[in-house]
């Protein structure tokens, strides 16, 4: 039903909550990505899935998630478990690098004569 049954202190902090208990009480239906559910239903796992989340304070951050579906002996879905990490700094560095490469390419086109 989209609620957490267990949260560690690092995850609560990542989402802007003071404690795991506060996050469990407050957060409902955190995963609204259709692709996330679709992939989990098809393969039973998510590997290196990158997306943005909104923290409690409204700030957007980038995260990467690895998750898997856990089933009982009859094959009924019990829950999802996974690892999520903040990759905001990495995404910002990637954007900065892309921008720098673009500048270098533009400079190269301006400086080097066109050979025909």
N, C-alpha and C. Protein backbone atom coordinates (compact mmCIF):
# COMPACT_ATOMS: atom_id res chain seq x y z
N UNK A 1 0.81 -1.21 0.00
CA UNK A 1 0.00 0.00 0.00
C UNK A 1 0.85 1.27 0.00
N UNK A 2 2.14 1.13 -0.28
CA UNK A 2 2.98 2.30 -0.45
C UNK A 2 3.55 2.91 0.82
N UNK A 3 3.44 2.24 1.94
CA UNK A 3 4.02 2.80 3.17
C UNK A 3 5.23 1.98 3.58
N UNK A 4 6.10 2.60 4.34
CA UNK A 4 7.30 1.92 4.82
C UNK A 4 6.97 1.08 6.04
N UNK A 5 7.59 -0.09 6.12
CA UNK A 5 7.45 -0.91 7.33
C UNK A 5 8.73 -0.86 8.16
N UNK A 6 9.82 -0.43 7.54
CA UNK A 6 11.09 -0.28 8.24
C UNK A 6 11.92 0.79 7.54
N UNK A 7 12.53 1.64 8.33
CA UNK A 7 13.38 2.72 7.81
C UNK A 7 14.57 2.85 8.76
N UNK A 8 15.77 2.99 8.20
CA UNK A 8 16.91 3.21 9.09
C UNK A 8 17.13 4.72 9.27
N UNK A 9 17.93 5.10 10.27
CA UNK A 9 18.15 6.53 10.54
C UNK A 9 18.72 7.30 9.34
N UNK A 10 19.60 6.67 8.57
CA UNK A 10 20.19 7.36 7.41
C UNK A 10 19.13 7.70 6.36
N UNK A 11 18.20 6.80 6.15
CA UNK A 11 17.14 7.06 5.16
C UNK A 11 16.21 8.16 5.66
N UNK A 12 15.87 8.11 6.93
CA UNK A 12 15.02 9.17 7.49
C UNK A 12 15.69 10.53 7.33
N UNK A 13 16.97 10.59 7.60
CA UNK A 13 17.72 11.84 7.45
C UNK A 13 17.75 12.28 5.99
N UNK A 14 17.96 11.34 5.06
CA UNK A 14 17.97 11.64 3.63
C UNK A 14 16.68 12.33 3.20
N UNK A 15 15.56 11.86 3.73
CA UNK A 15 14.25 12.41 3.38
C UNK A 15 13.86 13.61 4.24
N UNK A 16 14.71 13.98 5.21
CA UNK A 16 14.46 15.17 6.01
C UNK A 16 13.66 14.94 7.27
N UNK A 17 13.61 13.71 7.75
CA UNK A 17 12.87 13.40 8.98
C UNK A 17 13.83 13.25 10.15
N UNK A 18 13.35 13.50 11.35
CA UNK A 18 14.18 13.42 12.55
C UNK A 18 14.43 12.00 13.01
N UNK A 19 13.53 11.09 12.67
CA UNK A 19 13.68 9.71 13.11
C UNK A 19 12.99 8.76 12.12
N UNK A 20 13.40 7.50 12.15
CA UNK A 20 12.71 6.51 11.30
C UNK A 20 11.22 6.41 11.62
N UNK A 21 10.89 6.48 12.90
CA UNK A 21 9.49 6.37 13.31
C UNK A 21 8.65 7.51 12.73
N UNK A 22 9.20 8.70 12.76
CA UNK A 22 8.49 9.86 12.21
C UNK A 22 8.25 9.67 10.71
N UNK A 23 9.25 9.16 10.00
CA UNK A 23 9.10 8.95 8.57
C UNK A 23 8.05 7.87 8.29
N UNK A 24 8.09 6.79 9.03
CA UNK A 24 7.11 5.71 8.84
C UNK A 24 5.69 6.22 9.07
N UNK A 25 5.50 7.04 10.11
CA UNK A 25 4.17 7.60 10.40
C UNK A 25 3.71 8.58 9.33
N UNK A 26 4.64 9.35 8.78
CA UNK A 26 4.28 10.48 7.92
C UNK A 26 4.17 10.16 6.44
N UNK A 27 4.95 9.24 5.95
CA UNK A 27 5.06 9.04 4.50
C UNK A 27 4.13 7.94 4.03
N UNK A 28 3.37 8.27 3.00
CA UNK A 28 2.46 7.32 2.35
C UNK A 28 2.68 7.38 0.85
N UNK A 29 2.64 6.24 0.23
CA UNK A 29 2.72 6.13 -1.23
C UNK A 29 3.87 6.96 -1.80
N UNK A 30 5.05 6.68 -1.27
CA UNK A 30 6.21 7.45 -1.66
C UNK A 30 6.63 7.18 -3.10
N UNK A 31 6.38 5.98 -3.58
CA UNK A 31 6.79 5.64 -4.94
C UNK A 31 5.64 5.83 -5.89
N UNK A 32 5.71 6.88 -6.68
CA UNK A 32 4.65 7.14 -7.65
C UNK A 32 5.13 6.96 -9.08
N UNK A 33 6.31 6.37 -9.23
CA UNK A 33 6.82 6.13 -10.58
C UNK A 33 6.26 4.83 -11.11
N UNK A 34 5.50 4.93 -12.21
CA UNK A 34 4.94 3.73 -12.83
C UNK A 34 6.03 2.80 -13.30
N UNK A 35 7.12 3.37 -13.81
CA UNK A 35 8.22 2.56 -14.31
C UNK A 35 8.84 1.73 -13.19
N UNK A 36 8.94 2.29 -12.01
CA UNK A 36 9.51 1.59 -10.86
C UNK A 36 8.71 0.33 -10.57
N UNK A 37 7.38 0.49 -10.45
CA UNK A 37 6.52 -0.66 -10.18
C UNK A 37 6.53 -1.65 -11.34
N UNK A 38 6.47 -1.15 -12.54
CA UNK A 38 6.44 -2.00 -13.73
C UNK A 38 7.68 -2.88 -13.80
N UNK A 39 8.84 -2.28 -13.59
CA UNK A 39 10.09 -3.04 -13.63
C UNK A 39 10.13 -4.07 -12.52
N UNK A 40 9.72 -3.69 -11.32
CA UNK A 40 9.72 -4.65 -10.21
C UNK A 40 8.77 -5.81 -10.48
N UNK A 41 7.63 -5.53 -11.08
CA UNK A 41 6.68 -6.60 -11.37
C UNK A 41 7.23 -7.56 -12.43
N UNK A 42 7.93 -7.02 -13.42
CA UNK A 42 8.46 -7.85 -14.51
C UNK A 42 9.68 -8.65 -14.09
N UNK A 43 10.63 -7.99 -13.39
CA UNK A 43 11.92 -8.62 -13.11
C UNK A 43 12.12 -9.00 -11.65
N UNK A 44 11.31 -8.44 -10.78
CA UNK A 44 11.47 -8.71 -9.35
C UNK A 44 12.55 -7.87 -8.69
N UNK A 45 13.20 -6.99 -9.49
CA UNK A 45 14.25 -6.16 -8.90
C UNK A 45 14.43 -4.86 -9.68
N UNK A 46 15.04 -3.91 -9.01
CA UNK A 46 15.42 -2.63 -9.60
C UNK A 46 16.93 -2.50 -9.40
N UNK A 47 17.63 -2.14 -10.45
CA UNK A 47 19.09 -2.01 -10.35
C UNK A 47 19.50 -0.63 -10.85
N UNK A 48 20.17 0.13 -10.00
CA UNK A 48 20.72 1.45 -10.34
C UNK A 48 19.67 2.39 -10.92
N UNK A 49 18.50 2.42 -10.33
CA UNK A 49 17.41 3.29 -10.78
C UNK A 49 17.63 4.69 -10.20
N UNK A 50 17.77 5.68 -11.09
CA UNK A 50 18.00 7.06 -10.68
C UNK A 50 16.73 7.88 -10.88
N UNK A 51 16.38 8.66 -9.87
CA UNK A 51 15.23 9.54 -9.97
C UNK A 51 15.31 10.61 -8.89
N UNK A 52 14.46 11.62 -9.03
CA UNK A 52 14.41 12.69 -8.04
C UNK A 52 13.30 12.43 -7.03
N UNK A 53 13.57 12.81 -5.80
CA UNK A 53 12.56 12.76 -4.74
C UNK A 53 12.43 14.14 -4.13
N UNK A 54 11.33 14.35 -3.45
CA UNK A 54 11.14 15.59 -2.68
C UNK A 54 11.33 15.25 -1.21
N UNK A 55 12.24 15.96 -0.59
CA UNK A 55 12.44 15.80 0.84
C UNK A 55 11.25 16.42 1.59
N UNK A 56 11.22 16.20 2.86
CA UNK A 56 10.15 16.74 3.69
C UNK A 56 10.05 18.26 3.56
N UNK A 57 11.19 18.93 3.42
CA UNK A 57 11.21 20.40 3.31
C UNK A 57 10.92 20.89 1.89
N UNK A 58 10.62 19.97 0.97
CA UNK A 58 10.30 20.33 -0.40
C UNK A 58 11.49 20.36 -1.34
N UNK A 59 12.69 20.28 -0.79
CA UNK A 59 13.90 20.29 -1.60
C UNK A 59 13.99 19.01 -2.43
N UNK A 60 14.33 19.16 -3.71
CA UNK A 60 14.47 18.00 -4.59
C UNK A 60 15.91 17.51 -4.53
N UNK A 61 16.07 16.20 -4.45
CA UNK A 61 17.40 15.60 -4.51
C UNK A 61 17.35 14.39 -5.43
N UNK A 62 18.50 14.04 -5.97
CA UNK A 62 18.62 12.85 -6.82
C UNK A 62 19.03 11.66 -5.96
N UNK A 63 18.40 10.52 -6.23
CA UNK A 63 18.76 9.29 -5.53
C UNK A 63 18.94 8.16 -6.54
N UNK A 64 19.69 7.16 -6.10
CA UNK A 64 19.84 5.93 -6.87
C UNK A 64 19.35 4.79 -5.98
N UNK A 65 18.54 3.92 -6.55
CA UNK A 65 17.95 2.85 -5.76
C UNK A 65 18.20 1.49 -6.38
N UNK A 66 18.45 0.54 -5.50
CA UNK A 66 18.48 -0.87 -5.85
C UNK A 66 17.47 -1.54 -4.93
N UNK A 67 16.56 -2.29 -5.50
CA UNK A 67 15.49 -2.89 -4.69
C UNK A 67 15.10 -4.25 -5.25
N UNK A 68 14.45 -5.02 -4.42
CA UNK A 68 13.93 -6.31 -4.87
C UNK A 68 12.61 -6.60 -4.17
N UNK A 69 11.82 -7.40 -4.84
CA UNK A 69 10.54 -7.83 -4.27
C UNK A 69 10.80 -9.07 -3.41
N UNK A 70 10.14 -9.14 -2.27
CA UNK A 70 10.25 -10.29 -1.37
C UNK A 70 8.89 -10.98 -1.34
N UNK A 71 8.90 -12.28 -1.63
CA UNK A 71 7.67 -13.07 -1.71
C UNK A 71 7.66 -14.14 -0.62
N UNK A 72 6.45 -14.59 -0.25
CA UNK A 72 6.34 -15.71 0.69
C UNK A 72 6.45 -17.02 -0.09
N UNK A 73 6.33 -18.14 0.60
CA UNK A 73 6.50 -19.45 -0.04
C UNK A 73 5.41 -19.75 -1.07
N UNK A 74 4.27 -19.07 -1.00
CA UNK A 74 3.20 -19.26 -1.98
C UNK A 74 3.34 -18.30 -3.17
N UNK A 75 4.37 -17.47 -3.16
CA UNK A 75 4.58 -16.54 -4.26
C UNK A 75 3.85 -15.21 -4.11
N UNK A 76 3.28 -14.97 -2.93
CA UNK A 76 2.59 -13.70 -2.69
C UNK A 76 3.60 -12.63 -2.30
N UNK A 77 3.45 -11.44 -2.91
CA UNK A 77 4.34 -10.33 -2.59
C UNK A 77 4.13 -9.90 -1.14
N UNK A 78 5.23 -9.86 -0.40
CA UNK A 78 5.17 -9.40 0.99
C UNK A 78 5.56 -7.93 1.11
N UNK A 79 6.68 -7.59 0.50
CA UNK A 79 7.18 -6.22 0.58
C UNK A 79 8.35 -6.05 -0.38
N UNK A 80 8.84 -4.82 -0.47
CA UNK A 80 10.03 -4.50 -1.24
C UNK A 80 11.12 -4.11 -0.26
N UNK A 81 12.34 -4.52 -0.54
CA UNK A 81 13.46 -4.06 0.27
C UNK A 81 14.54 -3.54 -0.66
N UNK A 82 15.28 -2.56 -0.15
CA UNK A 82 16.29 -2.00 -1.02
C UNK A 82 17.23 -1.04 -0.34
N UNK A 83 18.09 -0.50 -1.17
CA UNK A 83 19.09 0.47 -0.73
C UNK A 83 18.92 1.72 -1.58
N UNK A 84 18.94 2.85 -0.93
CA UNK A 84 18.80 4.12 -1.64
C UNK A 84 19.93 5.04 -1.19
N UNK A 85 20.52 5.74 -2.15
CA UNK A 85 21.59 6.67 -1.78
C UNK A 85 21.43 8.00 -2.51
N UNK A 86 21.89 9.04 -1.86
CA UNK A 86 21.82 10.38 -2.41
C UNK A 86 22.93 10.54 -3.46
N UNK A 87 22.54 10.84 -4.69
CA UNK A 87 23.52 11.04 -5.76
C UNK A 87 23.44 12.46 -6.32
N UNK A 88 22.87 13.37 -5.54
CA UNK A 88 22.70 14.75 -6.00
C UNK A 88 24.02 15.38 -6.40
N UNK A 89 25.04 15.22 -5.58
CA UNK A 89 26.34 15.81 -5.89
C UNK A 89 26.91 15.23 -7.18
N UNK A 90 26.78 13.93 -7.35
CA UNK A 90 27.27 13.29 -8.58
C UNK A 90 26.54 13.84 -9.80
N UNK A 91 25.21 13.99 -9.70
CA UNK A 91 24.44 14.51 -10.83
C UNK A 91 24.84 15.96 -11.14
N UNK A 92 25.10 16.74 -10.11
CA UNK A 92 25.54 18.12 -10.32
C UNK A 92 26.91 18.15 -11.01
N UNK A 93 27.82 17.26 -10.59
CA UNK A 93 29.13 17.19 -11.22
C UNK A 93 29.02 16.74 -12.68
N UNK A 94 28.13 15.79 -12.95
CA UNK A 94 27.91 15.35 -14.33
C UNK A 94 27.42 16.51 -15.20
N UNK A 95 26.48 17.29 -14.67
CA UNK A 95 25.97 18.44 -15.42
C UNK A 95 27.07 19.47 -15.66
N UNK A 96 27.88 19.71 -14.64
CA UNK A 96 28.98 20.65 -14.78
C UNK A 96 29.98 20.18 -15.83
N UNK A 97 30.28 18.90 -15.82
CA UNK A 97 31.20 18.34 -16.81
C UNK A 97 30.63 18.47 -18.22
N UNK A 98 29.35 18.18 -18.38
CA UNK A 98 28.71 18.33 -19.70
C UNK A 98 28.82 19.78 -20.18
N UNK A 99 28.58 20.71 -19.28
CA UNK A 99 28.66 22.13 -19.62
C UNK A 99 30.09 22.50 -20.04
N UNK A 100 31.07 22.01 -19.30
CA UNK A 100 32.46 22.31 -19.63
C UNK A 100 32.87 21.70 -20.97
N UNK A 101 32.44 20.49 -21.24
CA UNK A 101 32.72 19.85 -22.53
C UNK A 101 32.10 20.66 -23.66
N UNK A 102 30.90 21.13 -23.46
CA UNK A 102 30.21 21.95 -24.45
C UNK A 102 31.00 23.24 -24.74
N UNK A 103 31.50 23.87 -23.69
CA UNK A 103 32.29 25.09 -23.85
C UNK A 103 33.57 24.80 -24.63
N UNK A 104 34.25 23.71 -24.30
CA UNK A 104 35.47 23.34 -25.01
C UNK A 104 35.18 23.08 -26.48
N UNK A 105 34.11 22.39 -26.77
CA UNK A 105 33.74 22.12 -28.17
C UNK A 105 33.46 23.41 -28.92
N UNK A 106 32.76 24.34 -28.29
CA UNK A 106 32.48 25.63 -28.92
C UNK A 106 33.77 26.41 -29.17
N UNK A 107 34.67 26.39 -28.21
CA UNK A 107 35.94 27.09 -28.36
C UNK A 107 36.77 26.46 -29.48
N UNK A 108 36.74 25.15 -29.54
CA UNK A 108 37.49 24.44 -30.57
C UNK A 108 36.98 24.83 -31.96
N UNK A 109 35.68 24.92 -32.10
CA UNK A 109 35.10 25.30 -33.39
C UNK A 109 35.46 26.74 -33.75
N UNK A 110 35.58 27.60 -32.76
CA UNK A 110 35.92 29.00 -33.03
C UNK A 110 37.41 29.17 -33.35
N UNK A 111 38.25 28.41 -32.69
CA UNK A 111 39.70 28.59 -32.82
C UNK A 111 40.28 27.85 -34.02
N UNK A 112 39.92 26.61 -34.16
CA UNK A 112 40.49 25.80 -35.24
C UNK A 112 39.85 26.16 -36.57
N UNK A 113 40.68 26.38 -37.58
CA UNK A 113 40.10 26.68 -38.91
C UNK A 113 39.43 25.44 -39.48
N UNK A 114 38.40 25.69 -40.25
CA UNK A 114 37.69 24.58 -40.88
C UNK A 114 38.51 24.11 -42.07
N UNK A 115 38.73 22.84 -42.11
CA UNK A 115 39.48 22.23 -43.21
C UNK A 115 38.49 21.68 -44.21
N UNK A 116 38.63 22.12 -45.43
CA UNK A 116 37.70 21.65 -46.46
C UNK A 116 38.46 20.97 -47.56
